C-alpha atoms as a PDB file:
ATOM      1  CA  MET A   1      23.886  35.790   3.150  1.00  0.00           C
ATOM      2  CA  ARG A   2      22.981  32.788   1.688  1.00  0.00           C
ATOM      3  CA  ALA A   3      21.133  32.397  -1.409  1.00  0.00           C
ATOM      4  CA  ASP A   4      17.749  30.489  -0.985  1.00  0.00           C
ATOM      5  CA  VAL A   5      18.236  27.239  -3.340  1.00  0.00           C
ATOM      6  CA  ASP A   6      14.941  25.283  -4.270  1.00  0.00           C
ATOM      7  CA  PRO A   7      15.044  22.086  -3.043  1.00  0.00           C
ATOM      8  CA  PRO A   8      15.270  19.302  -5.283  1.00  0.00           C
ATOM      9  CA  SER A   9      12.104  17.821  -7.127  1.00  0.00           C
ATOM     10  CA  ARG A  10      10.504  14.381  -6.373  1.00  0.00           C
ATOM     11  CA  ALA A  11      12.059  13.606 -10.096  1.00  0.00           C
ATOM     12  CA  GLU A  12      15.421  14.846  -9.510  1.00  0.00           C
ATOM     13  CA  ARG A  13      15.823  12.771  -6.181  1.00  0.00           C
ATOM     14  CA  GLY A  14      14.491   9.946  -8.228  1.00  0.00           C
ATOM     15  CA  ARG A  15      17.246  10.097 -10.822  1.00  0.00           C
ATOM     16  CA  THR A  16      19.983  10.308  -8.155  1.00  0.00           C
ATOM     17  CA  THR A  17      17.971   7.537  -6.411  1.00  0.00           C
ATOM     18  CA  MET A  18      18.416   5.451  -9.574  1.00  0.00           C
ATOM     19  CA  ARG A  19      21.589   6.108 -10.738  1.00  0.00           C
ATOM     20  CA  CYS A  20      23.316   5.101  -7.336  1.00  0.00           C
ATOM     21  CA  SER A  21      21.433   1.942  -7.391  1.00  0.00           C
ATOM     22  CA  ALA A  22      21.857   0.522 -10.692  1.00  0.00           C
ATOM     23  CA  ALA A  23      23.299  -2.704  -9.011  1.00  0.00           C
ATOM     24  CA  ARG A  24      20.495  -2.580  -6.495  1.00  0.00           C
ATOM     25  CA  ARG A  25      17.429  -2.223  -8.804  1.00  0.00           C
ATOM     26  CA  ARG A  26      14.155  -0.912  -7.619  1.00  0.00           C
ATOM     27  CA  VAL A  27      10.586  -0.783  -8.226  1.00  0.00           C
ATOM     28  CA  GLY A  28       8.092   1.683  -8.858  1.00  0.00           C
ATOM     29  CA  VAL A  29       4.680   3.005  -8.336  1.00  0.00           C
ATOM     30  CA  LEU A  30       2.631   5.038 -10.650  1.00  0.00           C
ATOM     31  CA  ALA A  31      -0.963   5.877  -9.351  1.00  0.00           C
ATOM     32  CA  TYR A  32      -3.167   9.140  -9.421  1.00  0.00           C
ATOM     33  CA  SER A  33      -4.995   7.843  -6.029  1.00  0.00           C
ATOM     34  CA  LEU A  34      -3.645   8.042  -2.473  1.00  0.00           C
ATOM     35  CA  ARG A  35      -5.436   5.078  -1.651  1.00  0.00           C
ATOM     36  CA  THR A  36      -3.284   2.857  -4.576  1.00  0.00           C
ATOM     37  CA  ARG A  37      -0.115   4.917  -3.592  1.00  0.00           C
ATOM     38  CA  GLU A  38      -0.364   3.700  -0.221  1.00  0.00           C
ATOM     39  CA  PHE A  39      -1.525   0.409  -0.320  1.00  0.00           C
ATOM     40  CA  ALA A  40       1.554  -0.255  -2.959  1.00  0.00           C
ATOM     41  CA  ARG A  41       4.067   1.807  -0.508  1.00  0.00           C
ATOM     42  CA  ARG A  42       3.247  -0.447   2.222  1.00  0.00           C
ATOM     43  CA  ILE A  43       3.318  -3.824   0.198  1.00  0.00           C
ATOM     44  CA  PHE A  44       7.063  -3.372  -1.496  1.00  0.00           C
ATOM     45  CA  ARG A  45       8.079  -2.087   1.938  1.00  0.00           C
ATOM     46  CA  ALA A  46       6.819  -5.282   3.730  1.00  0.00           C
ATOM     47  CA  ALA A  47       8.697  -7.080   0.789  1.00  0.00           C
ATOM     48  CA  GLY A  48      11.759  -5.301   1.561  1.00  0.00           C
ATOM     49  CA  TYR A  49      11.506  -2.871  -1.311  1.00  0.00           C
ATOM     50  CA  ALA A  50      11.892   0.971  -1.086  1.00  0.00           C
ATOM     51  CA  PRO A  51       9.582   1.657  -3.875  1.00  0.00           C
ATOM     52  CA  LEU A  52      10.037   5.089  -5.807  1.00  0.00           C
ATOM     53  CA  VAL A  53       6.201   6.649  -5.846  1.00  0.00           C
ATOM     54  CA  PHE A  54       5.265   8.671  -8.547  1.00  0.00           C
ATOM     55  CA  VAL A  55       1.837  10.634  -8.783  1.00  0.00           C
ATOM     56  CA  SER A  56       1.787  11.588 -12.457  1.00  0.00           C
ATOM     57  CA  LEU A  57       2.999  10.256 -15.710  1.00  0.00           C
ATOM     58  CA  ASP A  58       4.858  13.414 -16.353  1.00  0.00           C
ATOM     59  CA  GLU A  59       6.552  13.274 -12.887  1.00  0.00           C
ATOM     60  CA  LEU A  60       7.916   9.802 -14.201  1.00  0.00           C
ATOM     61  CA  ILE A  61       8.769  11.138 -17.684  1.00  0.00           C
ATOM     62  CA  GLU A  62      11.269  13.526 -15.332  1.00  0.00           C
ATOM     63  CA  VAL A  63      13.483  10.873 -14.480  1.00  0.00           C
ATOM     64  CA  GLY A  64      14.322   9.966 -17.968  1.00  0.00           C
ATOM     65  CA  PRO A  65      15.577   6.905 -19.679  1.00  0.00           C
ATOM     66  CA  ASP A  66      16.237   5.632 -15.914  1.00  0.00           C
ATOM     67  CA  ALA A  67      12.880   4.622 -15.486  1.00  0.00           C
ATOM     68  CA  SER A  68      13.547   1.467 -17.487  1.00  0.00           C
ATOM     69  CA  MET A  69      15.993   0.415 -15.052  1.00  0.00           C
ATOM     70  CA  LEU A  70      12.838  -0.564 -12.800  1.00  0.00           C
ATOM     71  CA  GLU A  71      12.753  -3.830 -11.596  1.00  0.00           C
ATOM     72  CA  MET A  72       8.676  -3.605 -12.098  1.00  0.00           C
ATOM     73  CA  LEU A  73       6.346  -0.934 -11.965  1.00  0.00           C
ATOM     74  CA  LEU A  74       2.782  -0.991 -10.326  1.00  0.00           C
ATOM     75  CA  VAL A  75       0.370   1.306 -12.123  1.00  0.00           C
ATOM     76  CA  GLY A  76      -2.702   2.169 -10.437  1.00  0.00           C
ATOM     77  CA  GLU A  77      -6.145   4.161 -11.226  1.00  0.00           C
ATOM     78  CA  VAL A  78      -4.669   6.116 -13.808  1.00  0.00           C
ATOM     79  CA  PRO A  79      -6.476   8.079 -16.799  1.00  0.00           C
ATOM     80  CA  VAL A  80      -7.414   6.661 -20.260  1.00  0.00           C
ATOM     81  CA  ALA A  81      -4.815   9.232 -21.948  1.00  0.00           C
ATOM     82  CA  ASP A  82      -2.013  11.382 -21.171  1.00  0.00           C
ATOM     83  CA  SER A  83      -1.675  14.977 -20.995  1.00  0.00           C
ATOM     84  CA  LEU A  84      -1.119  15.169 -24.844  1.00  0.00           C
ATOM     85  CA  GLY A  85      -4.383  13.100 -25.549  1.00  0.00           C
ATOM     86  CA  ARG A  86      -2.212   9.868 -26.353  1.00  0.00           C
ATOM     87  CA  PRO A  87      -3.251   6.765 -24.925  1.00  0.00           C
ATOM     88  CA  PHE A  88      -1.633   6.438 -21.527  1.00  0.00           C
ATOM     89  CA  LEU A  89      -0.327   3.075 -21.635  1.00  0.00           C
ATOM     90  CA  GLN A  90       1.059   3.398 -24.921  1.00  0.00           C
ATOM     91  CA  SER A  91       2.928   6.937 -23.720  1.00  0.00           C
ATOM     92  CA  LEU A  92       3.976   4.589 -20.636  1.00  0.00           C
ATOM     93  CA  ARG A  93       5.379   1.622 -22.497  1.00  0.00           C
ATOM     94  CA  GLU A  94       7.251   4.173 -24.691  1.00  0.00           C
ATOM     95  CA  LEU A  95       8.808   5.512 -21.970  1.00  0.00           C
ATOM     96  CA  VAL A  96       9.699   2.713 -19.880  1.00  0.00           C
ATOM     97  CA  GLY A  97      10.472   0.321 -22.629  1.00  0.00           C
ATOM     98  CA  PRO A  98       9.206  -2.918 -24.145  1.00  0.00           C
ATOM     99  CA  LYS A  99      10.948  -5.333 -21.417  1.00  0.00           C
ATOM    100  CA  LEU A 100       9.722  -3.619 -17.914  1.00  0.00           C
ATOM    101  CA  PRO A 101       7.011  -5.887 -16.155  1.00  0.00           C
ATOM    102  CA  LEU A 102       3.988  -3.692 -15.223  1.00  0.00           C
ATOM    103  CA  LEU A 103       1.178  -4.466 -12.898  1.00  0.00           C
ATOM    104  CA  LEU A 104      -1.881  -2.429 -13.821  1.00  0.00           C
ATOM    105  CA  ALA A 105      -4.215  -2.437 -10.821  1.00  0.00           C
ATOM    106  CA  ARG A 106      -7.591  -1.591 -11.734  1.00  0.00           C
ATOM    107  CA  PHE A 107      -9.800  -0.990  -8.511  1.00  0.00           C
ATOM    108  CA  GLY A 108     -12.823   0.467 -10.324  1.00  0.00           C
ATOM    109  CA  ARG A 109     -15.897  -1.963 -11.139  1.00  0.00           C
ATOM    110  CA  ASP A 110     -16.814  -0.545 -14.456  1.00  0.00           C
ATOM    111  CA  ALA A 111     -12.795  -0.407 -15.569  1.00  0.00           C
ATOM    112  CA  GLY A 112     -12.949  -0.557 -19.550  1.00  0.00           C
ATOM    113  CA  PRO A 113     -10.716  -2.970 -21.737  1.00  0.00           C
ATOM    114  CA  VAL A 114      -7.329  -2.839 -21.538  1.00  0.00           C
ATOM    115  CA  PRO A 115      -5.271  -2.950 -25.280  1.00  0.00           C
ATOM    116  CA  PRO A 116      -2.810  -5.893 -25.257  1.00  0.00           C
ATOM    117  CA  THR A 117       0.558  -5.073 -24.497  1.00  0.00           C
ATOM    118  CA  ASP A 118       3.416  -7.127 -23.851  1.00  0.00           C
ATOM    119  CA  ASN A 119       4.710  -7.912 -20.219  1.00  0.00           C
ATOM    120  CA  LEU A 120       1.559  -6.439 -18.704  1.00  0.00           C
ATOM    121  CA  VAL A 121      -0.422  -8.282 -15.824  1.00  0.00           C
ATOM    122  CA  VAL A 122      -3.836  -6.781 -15.086  1.00  0.00           C
ATOM    123  CA  ALA A 123      -4.939  -7.072 -11.898  1.00  0.00           C
ATOM    124  CA  SER A 124      -8.523  -6.114 -10.458  1.00  0.00           C
ATOM    125  CA  PRO A 125      -8.021  -5.833  -6.651  1.00  0.00           C
ATOM    126  CA  ARG A 126     -10.923  -4.996  -4.323  1.00  0.00           C
ATOM    127  CA  TYR A 127      -9.038  -4.771  -0.714  1.00  0.00           C
ATOM    128  CA  PHE A 128      -5.207  -4.634   0.399  1.00  0.00           C
ATOM    129  CA  PRO A 129      -4.859  -8.168   0.304  1.00  0.00           C
ATOM    130  CA  ASP A 130      -5.912  -8.202  -3.261  1.00  0.00           C
ATOM    131  CA  LEU A 131      -3.222  -6.108  -4.447  1.00  0.00           C
ATOM    132  CA  CYS A 132      -0.708  -7.998  -2.315  1.00  0.00           C
ATOM    133  CA  MET A 133      -1.642 -11.209  -3.940  1.00  0.00           C
ATOM    134  CA  ALA A 134      -1.472  -9.484  -7.523  1.00  0.00           C
ATOM    135  CA  VAL A 135       2.150  -8.009  -6.526  1.00  0.00           C
ATOM    136  CA  LEU A 136       3.474 -11.130  -5.060  1.00  0.00           C
ATOM    137  CA  SER A 137       2.285 -13.183  -8.516  1.00  0.00           C
ATOM    138  CA  LEU A 138       4.256 -10.489 -10.439  1.00  0.00           C
ATOM    139  CA  PHE A 139       7.326 -10.978  -8.563  1.00  0.00           C
ATOM    140  CA  SER A 140       6.727 -14.929  -8.959  1.00  0.00           C
ATOM    141  CA  ALA A 141       6.157 -14.727 -12.794  1.00  0.00           C
ATOM    142  CA  ILE A 142       9.651 -12.453 -12.997  1.00  0.00           C
ATOM    143  CA  GLY A 143      11.396 -15.084 -10.884  1.00  0.00           C
ATOM    144  CA  ILE A 144      11.558 -13.356  -7.683  1.00  0.00           C
ATOM    145  CA  ASP A 145      10.195 -15.637  -4.781  1.00  0.00           C
ATOM    146  CA  LYS A 146       8.664 -13.685  -1.946  1.00  0.00           C
ATOM    147  CA  ALA A 147       6.986 -15.219   1.067  1.00  0.00           C
ATOM    148  CA  PRO A 148       3.318 -14.278   1.771  1.00  0.00           C
ATOM    149  CA  LEU A 149       3.559 -11.103   3.189  1.00  0.00           C
ATOM    150  CA  LYS A 150       3.262 -10.476   6.861  1.00  0.00           C
ATOM    151  CA  MET A 151       3.113  -7.239   8.784  1.00  0.00           C
ATOM    152  CA  ALA A 152       3.689  -6.967  12.787  1.00  0.00           C
ATOM    153  CA  TRP A 153       3.062  -4.436  15.266  1.00  0.00           C
ATOM    154  CA  GLY A 154       4.479  -5.578  18.767  1.00  0.00           C
ATOM    155  CA  ASP A 155       2.134  -8.778  19.440  1.00  0.00           C
ATOM    156  CA  TYR A 156       0.179  -8.527  16.263  1.00  0.00           C
ATOM    157  CA  THR A 157       0.933  -9.909  12.927  1.00  0.00           C
ATOM    158  CA  PHE A 158      -1.223  -9.502  10.142  1.00  0.00           C
ATOM    159  CA  GLU A 159      -1.046 -11.651   7.160  1.00  0.00           C
ATOM    160  CA  PRO A 160      -2.933 -10.558   4.404  1.00  0.00           C
ATOM    161  CA  ALA A 161      -3.098 -13.615   2.081  1.00  0.00           C
ATOM    162  CA  ARG A 162      -5.437 -15.105   4.750  1.00  0.00           C
ATOM    163  CA  ARG A 163      -6.730 -12.234   6.118  1.00  0.00           C
ATOM    164  CA  VAL A 164      -5.809 -13.171   9.531  1.00  0.00           C
ATOM    165  CA  VAL A 165      -4.581 -11.167  12.336  1.00  0.00           C
ATOM    166  CA  ALA A 166      -2.183 -13.395  15.273  1.00  0.00           C
ATOM    167  CA  PHE A 167      -1.583 -12.503  18.529  1.00  0.00           C
ATOM    168  CA  ASP A 168      -1.750 -14.233  21.851  1.00  0.00           C
ATOM    169  CA  GLY A 169      -1.158 -17.300  20.359  1.00  0.00           C
ATOM    170  CA  ARG A 170      -4.338 -17.214  18.601  1.00  0.00           C
ATOM    171  CA  GLN A 171      -5.392 -16.512  15.167  1.00  0.00           C
ATOM    172  CA  THR A 172      -8.641 -14.394  14.211  1.00  0.00           C
ATOM    173  CA  GLY A 173      -9.660 -14.350  10.867  1.00  0.00           C
ATOM    174  CA  LEU A 174     -11.660 -11.090   9.513  1.00  0.00           C
ATOM    175  CA  ASP A 175     -13.926 -10.140   6.782  1.00  0.00           C
ATOM    176  CA  PRO A 176     -12.123  -7.764   3.869  1.00  0.00           C
ATOM    177  CA  VAL A 177     -13.709  -4.454   5.229  1.00  0.00           C
ATOM    178  CA  ALA A 178     -12.835  -5.573   8.807  1.00  0.00           C
ATOM    179  CA  PHE A 179      -9.404  -6.435   8.121  1.00  0.00           C
ATOM    180  CA  ASP A 180      -8.218  -3.149   5.800  1.00  0.00           C
ATOM    181  CA  ILE A 181      -9.905  -0.992   8.641  1.00  0.00           C
ATOM    182  CA  ALA A 182      -7.775  -2.902  11.320  1.00  0.00           C
ATOM    183  CA  LEU A 183      -4.521  -2.484   9.319  1.00  0.00           C
ATOM    184  CA  GLU A 184      -5.085   1.028   8.367  1.00  0.00           C
ATOM    185  CA  LEU A 185      -5.394   1.791  12.336  1.00  0.00           C
ATOM    186  CA  PHE A 186      -1.922   0.205  13.024  1.00  0.00           C
ATOM    187  CA  PHE A 187      -0.545   1.992  10.438  1.00  0.00           C
ATOM    188  CA  ARG A 188      -1.717   5.203  11.776  1.00  0.00           C
ATOM    189  CA  ALA A 189      -1.348   4.235  15.480  1.00  0.00           C
ATOM    190  CA  GLY A 190      -1.095   7.191  17.670  1.00  0.00           C
ATOM    191  CA  GLN A 191      -3.619   9.529  15.444  1.00  0.00           C
ATOM    192  CA  ILE A 192      -7.125  10.257  15.196  1.00  0.00           C
ATOM    193  CA  VAL A 193      -8.090   8.780  12.541  1.00  0.00           C
ATOM    194  CA  PRO A 194     -11.563  10.213  10.945  1.00  0.00           C
ATOM    195  CA  LYS A 195     -14.402   7.732   9.886  1.00  0.00           C
ATOM    196  CA  ARG A 196     -14.160   9.999   6.234  1.00  0.00           C
ATOM    197  CA  THR A 197     -10.477   8.573   6.037  1.00  0.00           C
ATOM    198  CA  LEU A 198     -10.906   5.148   6.901  1.00  0.00           C
ATOM    199  CA  THR A 199     -14.062   4.895   4.047  1.00  0.00           C
ATOM    200  CA  LEU A 200     -11.414   6.812   1.713  1.00  0.00           C
ATOM    201  CA  MET A 201      -9.268   3.571   2.322  1.00  0.00           C
ATOM    202  CA  LEU A 202     -11.821   1.150   1.116  1.00  0.00           C
ATOM    203  CA  PRO A 203     -13.551   0.382  -2.029  1.00  0.00           C
ATOM    204  CA  PRO A 204     -15.747   3.515  -3.102  1.00  0.00           C
ATOM    205  CA  ASP A 205     -17.995   1.273  -5.260  1.00  0.00           C
ATOM    206  CA  GLU A 206     -19.022  -1.416  -2.947  1.00  0.00           C
ATOM    207  CA  GLN A 207     -22.513  -3.387  -2.900  1.00  0.00           C
ATOM    208  CA  GLY A 208     -24.309  -5.509  -0.953  1.00  0.00           C
ATOM    209  CA  LEU A 209     -22.892  -6.583   2.543  1.00  0.00           C
ATOM    210  CA  ALA A 210     -19.620  -4.871   2.483  1.00  0.00           C
ATOM    211  CA  ARG A 211     -21.410  -1.773   1.423  1.00  0.00           C
ATOM    212  CA  HIS A 212     -23.313  -1.939   4.523  1.00  0.00           C
ATOM    213  CA  ARG A 213     -19.989  -2.928   6.790  1.00  0.00           C
ATOM    214  CA  ILE A 214     -18.752   0.283   5.231  1.00  0.00           C
ATOM    215  CA  ASP A 215     -21.449   2.785   5.764  1.00  0.00           C
ATOM    216  CA  ASN A 216     -21.558   1.264   9.639  1.00  0.00           C
ATOM    217  CA  ILE A 217     -17.625   2.045  10.269  1.00  0.00           C
ATOM    218  CA  GLY A 218     -18.656   2.005  14.096  1.00  0.00           C
ATOM    219  CA  SER A 219     -20.058  -1.145  14.434  1.00  0.00           C
ATOM    220  CA  VAL A 220     -17.071  -2.574  12.883  1.00  0.00           C
ATOM    221  CA  ILE A 221     -14.672  -0.784  15.301  1.00  0.00           C
ATOM    222  CA  LYS A 222     -16.904  -2.364  18.293  1.00  0.00           C
ATOM    223  CA  GLU A 223     -16.134  -5.504  16.755  1.00  0.00           C
ATOM    224  CA  LEU A 224     -12.488  -5.272  16.179  1.00  0.00           C
ATOM    225  CA  ARG A 225     -12.020  -4.087  19.677  1.00  0.00           C
ATOM    226  CA  SER A 226     -13.592  -7.212  20.919  1.00  0.00           C
ATOM    227  CA  SER A 227     -12.269  -9.762  18.338  1.00  0.00           C
ATOM    228  CA  LEU A 228      -8.553  -8.567  18.612  1.00  0.00           C
ATOM    229  CA  ARG A 229      -8.361  -7.331  22.384  1.00  0.00           C
ATOM    230  CA  LEU A 230      -7.910  -3.891  21.699  1.00  0.00           C
ATOM    231  CA  ARG A 231      -8.420  -2.908  25.219  1.00  0.00           C
ATOM    232  CA  GLY A 232      -5.002  -2.807  26.366  1.00  0.00           C
ATOM    233  CA  GLN A 233      -4.627  -6.391  27.122  1.00  0.00           C
ATOM    234  CA  HIS A 234      -2.121  -7.084  24.827  1.00  0.00           C
ATOM    235  CA  GLY A 235      -0.476  -3.625  24.409  1.00  0.00           C
ATOM    236  CA  TRP A 236      -3.215  -1.753  22.405  1.00  0.00           C
ATOM    237  CA  ASP A 237      -6.257   0.048  22.981  1.00  0.00           C
ATOM    238  CA  LEU A 238      -8.815   0.985  20.654  1.00  0.00           C
ATOM    239  CA  GLU A 239     -11.029   4.309  21.445  1.00  0.00           C
ATOM    240  CA  THR A 240     -13.405   6.053  20.010  1.00  0.00           C
ATOM    241  CA  CYS A 241     -13.067  10.069  19.960  1.00  0.00           C
ATOM    242  CA  PRO A 242     -16.711  11.522  20.067  1.00  0.00           C
ATOM    243  CA  ARG A 243     -17.036  13.369  16.502  1.00  0.00           C
ATOM    244  CA  LEU A 244     -13.458  13.212  15.667  1.00  0.00           C
ATOM    245  CA  GLY A 245     -12.819   9.425  14.936  1.00  0.00           C
ATOM    246  CA  TYR A 246     -11.123   6.787  16.427  1.00  0.00           C
ATOM    247  CA  ARG A 247      -7.428   6.602  17.870  1.00  0.00           C
ATOM    248  CA  LEU A 248      -5.212   2.816  18.303  1.00  0.00           C
ATOM    249  CA  THR A 249      -2.593   3.829  20.984  1.00  0.00           C
ATOM    250  CA  GLN A 250      -0.039   1.661  22.596  1.00  0.00           C
ATOM    251  CA  THR A 251      -0.689   1.074  26.430  1.00  0.00           C
ATOM    252  CA  GLU A 252       2.615  -1.029  27.082  1.00  0.00           C
ATOM    253  CA  ARG A 253       5.756  -2.323  25.558  1.00  0.00           C
ATOM    254  CA  SER A 254       4.537  -5.320  23.729  1.00  0.00           C
ATOM    255  CA  SER A 255       7.267  -8.270  23.301  1.00  0.00           C
ATOM    256  CA  LYS A 256       8.842  -8.604  19.788  1.00  0.00           C
ATOM    257  CA  PRO A 257      11.180 -11.600  18.365  1.00  0.00           C
ATOM    258  CA  ALA A 258      15.028 -10.170  18.307  1.00  0.00           C
ATOM    259  CA  GLY A 259      16.417  -9.661  15.000  1.00  0.00           C
ATOM    260  CA  VAL A 260      13.467  -8.520  13.031  1.00  0.00           C
ATOM    261  CA  PRO A 261      14.044  -5.782  10.758  1.00  0.00           C
ATOM    262  CA  MET A 262      11.934  -2.582  11.609  1.00  0.00           C
ATOM    263  CA  ALA A 263      10.711  -0.275   8.654  1.00  0.00           C
ATOM    264  CA  ILE A 264       8.894   2.838   8.994  1.00  0.00           C
ATOM    265  CA  ASP A 265       5.707   3.862   6.585  1.00  0.00           C
ATOM    266  CA  GLU A 266       6.406   7.055   5.294  1.00  0.00           C
ATOM    267  CA  ALA A 267       2.395   8.222   5.326  1.00  0.00           C
ATOM    268  CA  SER A 268       1.957   7.580   9.263  1.00  0.00           C
ATOM    269  CA  ALA A 269       5.657   7.632  10.426  1.00  0.00           C
ATOM    270  CA  GLN A 270       4.698   4.664  12.950  1.00  0.00           C
ATOM    271  CA  VAL A 271       7.275   1.575  13.220  1.00  0.00           C
ATOM    272  CA  PHE A 272       6.216  -1.415  12.298  1.00  0.00           C
ATOM    273  CA  SER A 273       7.850  -4.602  11.208  1.00  0.00           C
ATOM    274  CA  PRO A 274       7.614  -7.009   7.966  1.00  0.00           C
ATOM    275  CA  ALA A 275       7.403  -9.979   9.771  1.00  0.00           C
ATOM    276  CA  CYS A 276       9.576 -13.032   9.120  1.00  0.00           C
END
């Protein structure tokens, strides 16, 4: 009888990956909220990276000195102090070294001041496209040129920098709430997505018209169904499942340019294309 063996921890897998890819450097994500981790994972995958994602500082500590080999580290929605009560950023900097570029993404409106730290860029994104621009700006600052990100599902191409969805030879601009909801539905295509899930992927402390839009997601869904023609004409149908949520399903095989590399979002297991 074979003895049971515990599977390797995330940190052990991270160490193996880091050592095997020393010549092909990696990016990392350290975030305590699902929303930030998912946003960051999607952005880096669209940019051609397979990010190492950590849910706590302790998990990153387990990687050890190899953490300093990252090309950059996105840090989002982290506590003020670590588990020992020390300033979080100070502990993080001691771990990864003084040269690793850090992007601190602070999504909350009431985020406090940040102590000065070398190689630290602070951004205050509200929505997915805002974080896209912050990541691309840091890439540019450290000498990595990346074209504006695009994400495609069949005939639909999302351009976060302009909050535009292109399909059937047209371009449709969306407001921030509608764009993020549409993107979430495509990433979770085939699944029933509850209204609460969509709400959790939007800013929790929004105000004014944006708050009204978030509180009335059903109306936004109706608008998207119309403005993006999600009634099956272009390969996708957006249906409302009473008391359950919303589901975007592919109704026919859409045309897709040959030679476009495919990627799979780990959260939804849906295939999408980082469009060229």
